Amino acid sequence: MIERHYFRDTLIRSYDFTFGFCIPNSVNSWEAIYPVPELSEDRVQQMIANEYETTSDSFYFVDNKLVMHNKAAYKYADA
C-alpha cells in the first residue's frame, strides 16, 4: 500500500506499507505507528482555512498489481 497526502498540489507526506500474508476469508487487524512530519503554524492555518484542499491517495497492490485506489479530501478545524 502506498499512501500520499497533499495540500493543494504539494506533497506533504508519503508512506509505503507492506502487509504480510492474510489467510483468505479471515478477519484481521493491522496497526501502524509512524512519524508524521511537523507542519509550520502557517501551513496548519492554511489547511484549516482551505477546506477540502488537503487530500490523500491510497493505492493498494496485490502481487505488484494495483487493485484499488481510494481518494479522500479533508476538512480540518481549529482545536
N, C-alpha and C. Protein backbone atom coordinates (compact mmCIF):
# COMPACT_ATOMS: atom_id res chain seq x y z
N MET A 1 0.85 -1.17 0.00
CA MET A 1 0.00 0.00 0.00
C MET A 1 0.90 1.23 0.00
N ILE A 2 0.52 2.19 -0.79
CA ILE A 2 1.20 3.48 -0.81
C ILE A 2 0.16 4.54 -0.49
N GLU A 3 0.48 5.42 0.42
CA GLU A 3 -0.45 6.48 0.80
C GLU A 3 0.28 7.82 0.68
N ARG A 4 -0.36 8.75 -0.02
CA ARG A 4 0.23 10.07 -0.21
C ARG A 4 -0.76 11.14 0.23
N HIS A 5 -0.23 12.14 0.94
CA HIS A 5 -1.05 13.25 1.45
C HIS A 5 -0.56 14.55 0.83
N TYR A 6 -1.52 15.36 0.37
CA TYR A 6 -1.21 16.61 -0.33
C TYR A 6 -1.98 17.77 0.29
N PHE A 7 -1.38 18.94 0.23
CA PHE A 7 -2.12 20.18 0.43
C PHE A 7 -1.98 20.95 -0.87
N ARG A 8 -3.13 21.17 -1.50
CA ARG A 8 -3.17 21.73 -2.85
C ARG A 8 -2.32 20.83 -3.74
N ASP A 9 -1.31 21.32 -4.40
CA ASP A 9 -0.50 20.46 -5.28
C ASP A 9 0.83 20.08 -4.65
N THR A 10 0.97 20.27 -3.34
CA THR A 10 2.23 19.98 -2.67
C THR A 10 2.14 18.69 -1.87
N LEU A 11 3.07 17.78 -2.10
CA LEU A 11 3.13 16.54 -1.33
C LEU A 11 3.57 16.85 0.09
N ILE A 12 2.74 16.50 1.06
CA ILE A 12 3.04 16.74 2.47
C ILE A 12 3.80 15.54 3.05
N ARG A 13 3.33 14.34 2.73
CA ARG A 13 3.98 13.13 3.22
C ARG A 13 3.59 11.94 2.34
N SER A 14 4.46 10.96 2.33
CA SER A 14 4.22 9.75 1.55
C SER A 14 4.67 8.55 2.38
N TYR A 15 3.86 7.51 2.39
CA TYR A 15 4.17 6.31 3.17
C TYR A 15 4.05 5.09 2.27
N ASP A 16 4.96 4.14 2.44
CA ASP A 16 4.89 2.85 1.78
C ASP A 16 4.74 1.79 2.87
N PHE A 17 3.70 0.99 2.78
CA PHE A 17 3.43 -0.05 3.76
C PHE A 17 3.50 -1.41 3.09
N THR A 18 3.97 -2.39 3.84
CA THR A 18 3.98 -3.77 3.35
C THR A 18 3.17 -4.61 4.33
N PHE A 19 2.17 -5.29 3.83
CA PHE A 19 1.34 -6.17 4.64
C PHE A 19 1.82 -7.60 4.47
N GLY A 20 1.76 -8.35 5.54
CA GLY A 20 2.08 -9.76 5.45
C GLY A 20 0.94 -10.55 4.85
N PHE A 21 1.13 -11.83 4.69
CA PHE A 21 0.10 -12.71 4.14
C PHE A 21 -1.09 -12.78 5.09
N CYS A 22 -2.29 -12.70 4.55
CA CYS A 22 -3.53 -12.87 5.32
C CYS A 22 -4.29 -14.05 4.74
N ILE A 23 -4.71 -14.93 5.59
CA ILE A 23 -5.46 -16.11 5.15
C ILE A 23 -6.77 -15.65 4.53
N PRO A 24 -7.11 -16.14 3.35
CA PRO A 24 -8.39 -15.76 2.72
C PRO A 24 -9.58 -16.03 3.62
N ASN A 25 -10.56 -15.16 3.58
CA ASN A 25 -11.80 -15.25 4.35
C ASN A 25 -11.57 -15.16 5.87
N SER A 26 -10.44 -14.60 6.27
CA SER A 26 -10.19 -14.42 7.69
C SER A 26 -10.42 -12.95 8.07
N VAL A 27 -10.54 -12.70 9.35
CA VAL A 27 -10.70 -11.33 9.86
C VAL A 27 -9.37 -10.94 10.49
N ASN A 28 -8.83 -9.81 10.06
CA ASN A 28 -7.51 -9.39 10.51
C ASN A 28 -7.54 -7.92 10.91
N SER A 29 -6.62 -7.55 11.75
CA SER A 29 -6.45 -6.14 12.06
C SER A 29 -4.98 -5.79 11.89
N TRP A 30 -4.72 -4.52 11.66
CA TRP A 30 -3.36 -4.07 11.43
C TRP A 30 -3.22 -2.68 12.00
N GLU A 31 -2.16 -2.45 12.73
CA GLU A 31 -1.90 -1.14 13.29
C GLU A 31 -0.49 -0.72 12.91
N ALA A 32 -0.35 0.53 12.51
CA ALA A 32 0.97 1.07 12.20
C ALA A 32 1.14 2.39 12.93
N ILE A 33 2.28 2.53 13.54
CA ILE A 33 2.63 3.79 14.20
C ILE A 33 3.85 4.31 13.45
N TYR A 34 3.74 5.51 12.90
CA TYR A 34 4.82 6.04 12.08
C TYR A 34 4.94 7.54 12.30
N PRO A 35 6.12 8.08 12.05
CA PRO A 35 6.32 9.51 12.29
C PRO A 35 5.56 10.36 11.28
N VAL A 36 5.10 11.48 11.75
CA VAL A 36 4.40 12.45 10.90
C VAL A 36 5.26 13.70 10.86
N PRO A 37 5.52 14.22 9.67
CA PRO A 37 6.36 15.42 9.62
C PRO A 37 5.67 16.61 10.29
N GLU A 38 6.47 17.43 10.94
CA GLU A 38 5.92 18.62 11.57
C GLU A 38 5.56 19.64 10.49
N LEU A 39 4.43 20.30 10.70
CA LEU A 39 3.97 21.34 9.77
C LEU A 39 4.12 22.69 10.44
N SER A 40 4.47 23.69 9.66
CA SER A 40 4.58 25.03 10.22
C SER A 40 3.19 25.51 10.63
N GLU A 41 3.14 26.45 11.57
CA GLU A 41 1.86 27.00 12.01
C GLU A 41 1.14 27.66 10.84
N ASP A 42 1.89 28.29 9.95
CA ASP A 42 1.29 28.92 8.77
C ASP A 42 0.62 27.87 7.88
N ARG A 43 1.29 26.73 7.67
CA ARG A 43 0.71 25.66 6.84
C ARG A 43 -0.54 25.10 7.50
N VAL A 44 -0.50 24.90 8.81
CA VAL A 44 -1.67 24.39 9.54
C VAL A 44 -2.85 25.34 9.37
N GLN A 45 -2.62 26.62 9.52
CA GLN A 45 -3.70 27.60 9.37
C GLN A 45 -4.23 27.62 7.94
N GLN A 46 -3.36 27.46 6.96
CA GLN A 46 -3.81 27.38 5.57
C GLN A 46 -4.69 26.16 5.34
N MET A 47 -4.31 25.04 5.93
CA MET A 47 -5.10 23.81 5.77
C MET A 47 -6.46 23.95 6.44
N ILE A 48 -6.53 24.63 7.58
CA ILE A 48 -7.80 24.86 8.26
C ILE A 48 -8.67 25.80 7.44
N ALA A 49 -8.08 26.86 6.91
CA ALA A 49 -8.83 27.89 6.18
C ALA A 49 -9.31 27.42 4.81
N ASN A 50 -8.66 26.43 4.24
CA ASN A 50 -8.99 25.97 2.88
C ASN A 50 -9.54 24.55 2.94
N GLU A 51 -10.82 24.47 3.26
CA GLU A 51 -11.48 23.18 3.43
C GLU A 51 -11.37 22.31 2.18
N TYR A 52 -11.11 21.04 2.39
CA TYR A 52 -11.07 20.01 1.35
C TYR A 52 -9.95 20.20 0.34
N GLU A 53 -8.99 21.10 0.62
CA GLU A 53 -7.82 21.22 -0.27
C GLU A 53 -6.67 20.35 0.23
N THR A 54 -6.87 19.69 1.36
CA THR A 54 -5.94 18.67 1.83
C THR A 54 -6.53 17.34 1.40
N THR A 55 -5.76 16.57 0.65
CA THR A 55 -6.28 15.33 0.07
C THR A 55 -5.29 14.18 0.29
N SER A 56 -5.77 12.98 0.04
CA SER A 56 -4.88 11.83 0.07
C SER A 56 -5.28 10.84 -1.01
N ASP A 57 -4.30 10.08 -1.43
CA ASP A 57 -4.48 8.97 -2.36
C ASP A 57 -3.90 7.74 -1.70
N SER A 58 -4.66 6.65 -1.70
CA SER A 58 -4.19 5.37 -1.18
C SER A 58 -4.24 4.36 -2.31
N PHE A 59 -3.13 3.70 -2.54
CA PHE A 59 -3.01 2.72 -3.63
C PHE A 59 -2.75 1.35 -3.00
N TYR A 60 -3.57 0.37 -3.37
CA TYR A 60 -3.46 -0.98 -2.82
C TYR A 60 -3.02 -1.93 -3.93
N PHE A 61 -2.01 -2.72 -3.63
CA PHE A 61 -1.43 -3.63 -4.62
C PHE A 61 -1.48 -5.07 -4.11
N VAL A 62 -1.68 -6.00 -5.04
CA VAL A 62 -1.55 -7.43 -4.77
C VAL A 62 -0.64 -7.98 -5.85
N ASP A 63 0.43 -8.63 -5.45
CA ASP A 63 1.43 -9.15 -6.40
C ASP A 63 1.88 -8.05 -7.36
N ASN A 64 2.15 -6.87 -6.83
CA ASN A 64 2.62 -5.71 -7.60
C ASN A 64 1.62 -5.22 -8.64
N LYS A 65 0.36 -5.58 -8.50
CA LYS A 65 -0.68 -5.13 -9.41
C LYS A 65 -1.65 -4.24 -8.63
N LEU A 66 -1.93 -3.05 -9.14
CA LEU A 66 -2.87 -2.14 -8.48
C LEU A 66 -4.27 -2.74 -8.51
N VAL A 67 -4.87 -2.91 -7.32
CA VAL A 67 -6.21 -3.49 -7.24
C VAL A 67 -7.25 -2.49 -6.74
N MET A 68 -6.80 -1.40 -6.09
CA MET A 68 -7.76 -0.41 -5.60
C MET A 68 -7.04 0.91 -5.39
N HIS A 69 -7.76 2.00 -5.65
CA HIS A 69 -7.24 3.36 -5.44
C HIS A 69 -8.34 4.15 -4.75
N ASN A 70 -8.06 4.63 -3.54
CA ASN A 70 -9.01 5.47 -2.79
C ASN A 70 -8.50 6.90 -2.75
N LYS A 71 -9.43 7.84 -2.90
CA LYS A 71 -9.12 9.26 -2.77
C LYS A 71 -9.97 9.82 -1.64
N ALA A 72 -9.38 10.75 -0.88
CA ALA A 72 -10.11 11.38 0.21
C ALA A 72 -9.75 12.86 0.25
N ALA A 73 -10.70 13.67 0.74
CA ALA A 73 -10.47 15.10 0.96
C ALA A 73 -10.84 15.40 2.40
N TYR A 74 -10.09 16.30 3.03
CA TYR A 74 -10.22 16.54 4.47
C TYR A 74 -10.62 17.96 4.78
N LYS A 75 -11.43 18.10 5.82
CA LYS A 75 -11.81 19.40 6.37
C LYS A 75 -11.31 19.43 7.81
N TYR A 76 -10.36 20.31 8.08
CA TYR A 76 -9.79 20.41 9.42
C TYR A 76 -10.40 21.59 10.16
N ALA A 77 -10.44 21.49 11.47
CA ALA A 77 -10.97 22.56 12.32
C ALA A 77 -9.92 22.93 13.34
N ASP A 78 -9.96 24.18 13.77
CA ASP A 78 -9.04 24.65 14.81
C ASP A 78 -9.42 23.98 16.12
N ALA A 79 -8.45 23.41 16.80
CA ALA A 79 -8.74 22.66 18.03
C ALA A 79 -8.85 23.54 19.24
